[in-house]
C-alpha cells in the first residue's frame, strides 16, 4: 500500500516533470502531426516520411502523445488522433494549436527566468531593456500573427457565453477595447443582430480581424479603429475588456477604465472579462489556472490577476461603480460596472 508520503512524492514529481508535456505538444504542432493523423490511421514510418522526421524518434514522440491521451494506436500498430488531439489541428473549430505553440515558445523562455522576476518585481521584457505592452509585436509580423491567433484560441471558448449574457435592450454600440482579431465582438454581433460594434486595437493587432468578422457574417456592422486604449476611445454604450486589465499595473488599469468612462454614453456599461483570484487560494484546478496566469503576467508584462475586491477598487478610482457579477465562462468571470 502506498504511504501518504509516497503519494505526495509522486504527485510532486509529476508537477516537477510537467514541462515534458508542454514541449511534446508543441513539437507535435510544429511537425503538423495532428493534421497528418486527421486523414486517417498511419504508420510511424509513413508519418516520418510525410513530416521529414527521423522515424525512430518520431515514434518516441508518438508514444508520448499516446500517454497524454492525444493519439492512439490501433491493432495493426498505426497511429490515430483522439478527440483531445484533434483540438491541436489548425482547422478545428475549437483549436488550441496557436496557444500550444506560444506556450512552448515565447512564454516558455520567459518562465525560465521566473525567479529573477520574483526577485526584482520586473517582467522579462523590462529586465532585458524592453517595455511592457505589445509595441514590440509591430516589429515582428510572425510573432504578432502567432500571438493574436493564440488570443483567438483562448477567447473562442468564452466568447459565446459572454455574448449570450448581454441584454441588448438600451445598447446600440459595443466597443471591444483591445480586442485583437475580434473573436469576442464577432460573437457578440452574431448573437445580437441589432447591435453595431467597434473593434479597437493597435494596427498589428487588427490584421487578422477582417477574416474573423467576415467568417461570422458581421463585417457590415463592425468598424475597425487602430489606436491605443490609453488614448481617447470611440463612443459607445457598452465597453468590453477581455483579458486586458490583467496585463497592466493598477495605475494603467485605472487610466484605461477612465477612458471608457469618458467615452461612454449616459447609462453606459463597462464589462471586464478576467480570471479572478480567490481571497484565499486553494488547490482546485481553477485556483491553479488563476495562479498560473498571475505568474505568467509577472514574467511577461508586470501585470497581475486580481481579487474581486481589487477590481472594485480599480473601478471606484476610475469613477465607476461595480455591480453584482453577471456570470462566468470557461474560468473567466464577468465583472460589470456603470458610471455614477
Foldseek 3Di string as FASTA:
>chain_A
DQDPVRVVVVVVVCVVPVLVVLVLLLVCLVLVVLVVQVVDWDALVVSCVVSVHDSVVSVVSQVVCVVVVQWDADPVGTIHGDPVVNLLHPPDPLHQVLVSNCCNPVLVVLVVCLVVLVVVLAAQQVVVPHAFDDPVCVVPLVVLVSVLVNVLNVVLQCLLVVLVLDDCVVFAEEEEAQCQLCNNVLNNCLSPVRHAYEYEEAPSSNPNNVVNNVVSVNVVRYYYDHDHLLDADAETQEYEYEPPQQLDDLVSLLSSLLSNQVRYDAFGKYKYKAQAADPDQDPDPLSVVQVVVQSSSSHRRSGGHYHPVVVQVSQVSSQWHWDPWRAHTPNITITMITHD
